[in-house]
N, C-alpha and C. Protein backbone atom coordinates (compact mmCIF):
# COMPACT_ATOMS: atom_id res chain seq x y z
N ASN A 1 -4.47 -26.58 -2.37
CA ASN A 1 -4.06 -25.76 -3.49
C ASN A 1 -3.79 -24.33 -3.04
N VAL A 2 -2.64 -23.85 -3.43
CA VAL A 2 -2.27 -22.47 -3.13
C VAL A 2 -2.16 -21.73 -4.44
N ASN A 3 -2.83 -20.60 -4.52
CA ASN A 3 -2.77 -19.78 -5.73
C ASN A 3 -1.55 -18.87 -5.62
N THR A 4 -0.51 -19.18 -6.34
CA THR A 4 0.72 -18.38 -6.28
C THR A 4 0.60 -17.04 -6.99
N ASP A 5 -0.49 -16.82 -7.71
CA ASP A 5 -0.70 -15.54 -8.39
C ASP A 5 -1.39 -14.51 -7.50
N THR A 6 -1.80 -14.91 -6.29
CA THR A 6 -2.46 -13.99 -5.38
C THR A 6 -1.46 -12.94 -4.90
N GLN A 7 -1.89 -11.69 -4.84
CA GLN A 7 -1.01 -10.61 -4.39
C GLN A 7 -1.74 -9.76 -3.37
N LEU A 8 -1.06 -9.45 -2.26
CA LEU A 8 -1.60 -8.54 -1.27
C LEU A 8 -1.10 -7.14 -1.56
N VAL A 9 -1.98 -6.15 -1.41
CA VAL A 9 -1.62 -4.77 -1.69
C VAL A 9 -2.04 -3.91 -0.50
N ASN A 10 -1.10 -3.12 0.03
CA ASN A 10 -1.41 -2.18 1.09
C ASN A 10 -1.94 -0.91 0.45
N MET A 11 -3.15 -0.53 0.79
CA MET A 11 -3.75 0.70 0.27
C MET A 11 -3.78 1.71 1.41
N TYR A 12 -3.41 2.96 1.13
CA TYR A 12 -3.32 3.98 2.17
C TYR A 12 -4.15 5.19 1.79
N GLY A 13 -4.86 5.71 2.76
CA GLY A 13 -5.59 6.96 2.58
C GLY A 13 -5.95 7.49 3.96
N ILE A 14 -5.73 8.77 4.17
CA ILE A 14 -6.03 9.33 5.49
C ILE A 14 -7.53 9.34 5.73
N THR A 15 -7.91 9.33 6.98
CA THR A 15 -9.33 9.25 7.35
C THR A 15 -10.15 10.37 6.71
N GLU A 16 -9.58 11.56 6.64
CA GLU A 16 -10.34 12.70 6.12
C GLU A 16 -10.72 12.52 4.65
N THR A 17 -9.94 11.75 3.90
CA THR A 17 -10.26 11.57 2.48
C THR A 17 -11.23 10.43 2.25
N THR A 18 -11.24 9.48 3.15
CA THR A 18 -12.06 8.26 3.05
C THR A 18 -11.91 7.54 1.72
N VAL A 19 -10.78 7.74 1.08
CA VAL A 19 -10.47 7.04 -0.16
C VAL A 19 -9.00 6.61 -0.10
N HIS A 20 -8.62 5.73 -0.96
CA HIS A 20 -7.21 5.34 -1.06
C HIS A 20 -6.49 6.30 -2.00
N VAL A 21 -5.27 6.64 -1.63
CA VAL A 21 -4.48 7.53 -2.48
C VAL A 21 -3.13 6.93 -2.88
N THR A 22 -2.68 5.90 -2.14
CA THR A 22 -1.44 5.22 -2.50
C THR A 22 -1.64 3.71 -2.44
N TYR A 23 -0.72 2.99 -3.07
CA TYR A 23 -0.75 1.53 -3.03
C TYR A 23 0.66 0.99 -2.97
N TYR A 24 0.80 -0.18 -2.37
CA TYR A 24 2.11 -0.83 -2.25
C TYR A 24 1.92 -2.34 -2.34
N PRO A 25 2.33 -2.96 -3.45
CA PRO A 25 2.25 -4.42 -3.55
C PRO A 25 3.19 -5.05 -2.52
N LEU A 26 2.65 -5.84 -1.61
CA LEU A 26 3.44 -6.43 -0.54
C LEU A 26 4.23 -7.64 -1.01
N LYS A 27 5.42 -7.79 -0.42
CA LYS A 27 6.29 -8.95 -0.68
C LYS A 27 6.40 -9.74 0.61
N ALA A 28 6.85 -10.98 0.53
CA ALA A 28 6.97 -11.83 1.71
C ALA A 28 7.84 -11.19 2.78
N GLU A 29 8.93 -10.54 2.39
CA GLU A 29 9.84 -9.94 3.37
C GLU A 29 9.23 -8.75 4.10
N ASP A 30 8.17 -8.15 3.54
CA ASP A 30 7.51 -7.03 4.21
C ASP A 30 6.84 -7.47 5.51
N ALA A 31 6.50 -8.75 5.63
CA ALA A 31 5.87 -9.27 6.84
C ALA A 31 6.84 -9.23 8.02
N GLN A 32 8.13 -9.15 7.75
CA GLN A 32 9.14 -9.14 8.81
C GLN A 32 9.45 -7.72 9.30
N ARG A 33 8.93 -6.71 8.65
CA ARG A 33 9.19 -5.33 9.06
C ARG A 33 8.48 -5.04 10.38
N VAL A 34 9.20 -4.41 11.28
CA VAL A 34 8.62 -4.04 12.56
C VAL A 34 8.62 -2.52 12.65
N GLY A 35 7.47 -1.94 12.95
CA GLY A 35 7.38 -0.51 13.13
C GLY A 35 7.35 0.30 11.85
N ALA A 36 7.16 -0.36 10.72
CA ALA A 36 7.10 0.36 9.44
C ALA A 36 5.98 -0.21 8.59
N SER A 37 5.28 0.66 7.93
CA SER A 37 4.24 0.26 7.00
C SER A 37 4.37 1.12 5.76
N PRO A 38 5.01 0.61 4.71
CA PRO A 38 5.22 1.42 3.51
C PRO A 38 3.89 1.81 2.87
N ILE A 39 3.77 3.09 2.53
CA ILE A 39 2.53 3.52 1.90
C ILE A 39 2.58 3.41 0.38
N GLY A 40 3.75 3.22 -0.17
CA GLY A 40 3.87 2.95 -1.60
C GLY A 40 3.86 4.18 -2.48
N LYS A 41 3.27 4.01 -3.65
CA LYS A 41 3.24 5.06 -4.68
C LYS A 41 1.82 5.60 -4.82
N ARG A 42 1.74 6.79 -5.36
CA ARG A 42 0.42 7.38 -5.58
C ARG A 42 -0.32 6.60 -6.65
N ILE A 43 -1.61 6.59 -6.55
CA ILE A 43 -2.44 6.02 -7.60
C ILE A 43 -2.30 6.94 -8.81
N PRO A 44 -2.06 6.38 -10.00
CA PRO A 44 -1.65 7.18 -11.17
C PRO A 44 -2.46 8.44 -11.47
N ASP A 45 -3.76 8.47 -11.25
CA ASP A 45 -4.52 9.67 -11.62
C ASP A 45 -4.68 10.65 -10.46
N LEU A 46 -3.90 10.48 -9.38
CA LEU A 46 -3.96 11.37 -8.22
C LEU A 46 -2.63 12.07 -8.01
N GLN A 47 -2.65 13.13 -7.21
CA GLN A 47 -1.43 13.82 -6.81
C GLN A 47 -1.17 13.51 -5.35
N LEU A 48 0.10 13.46 -4.97
CA LEU A 48 0.47 13.15 -3.59
C LEU A 48 1.42 14.23 -3.08
N TYR A 49 1.12 14.77 -1.91
CA TYR A 49 1.97 15.77 -1.28
C TYR A 49 2.38 15.26 0.09
N LEU A 50 3.68 15.21 0.35
CA LEU A 50 4.19 14.84 1.67
C LEU A 50 4.60 16.12 2.38
N LEU A 51 4.04 16.34 3.53
CA LEU A 51 4.34 17.55 4.30
C LEU A 51 5.17 17.22 5.51
């Protein structure tokens, strides 16, 4: 039995924060990406700054 409702999510947070600040629901085609790891969107109640 395979649960087709299962979803993998990439959670990102820098070591200094020790918490997650972004999330990205993974799709099957993301497994084929080489050299890239999408960090996704900010968690709704947080702010995100890209420098």
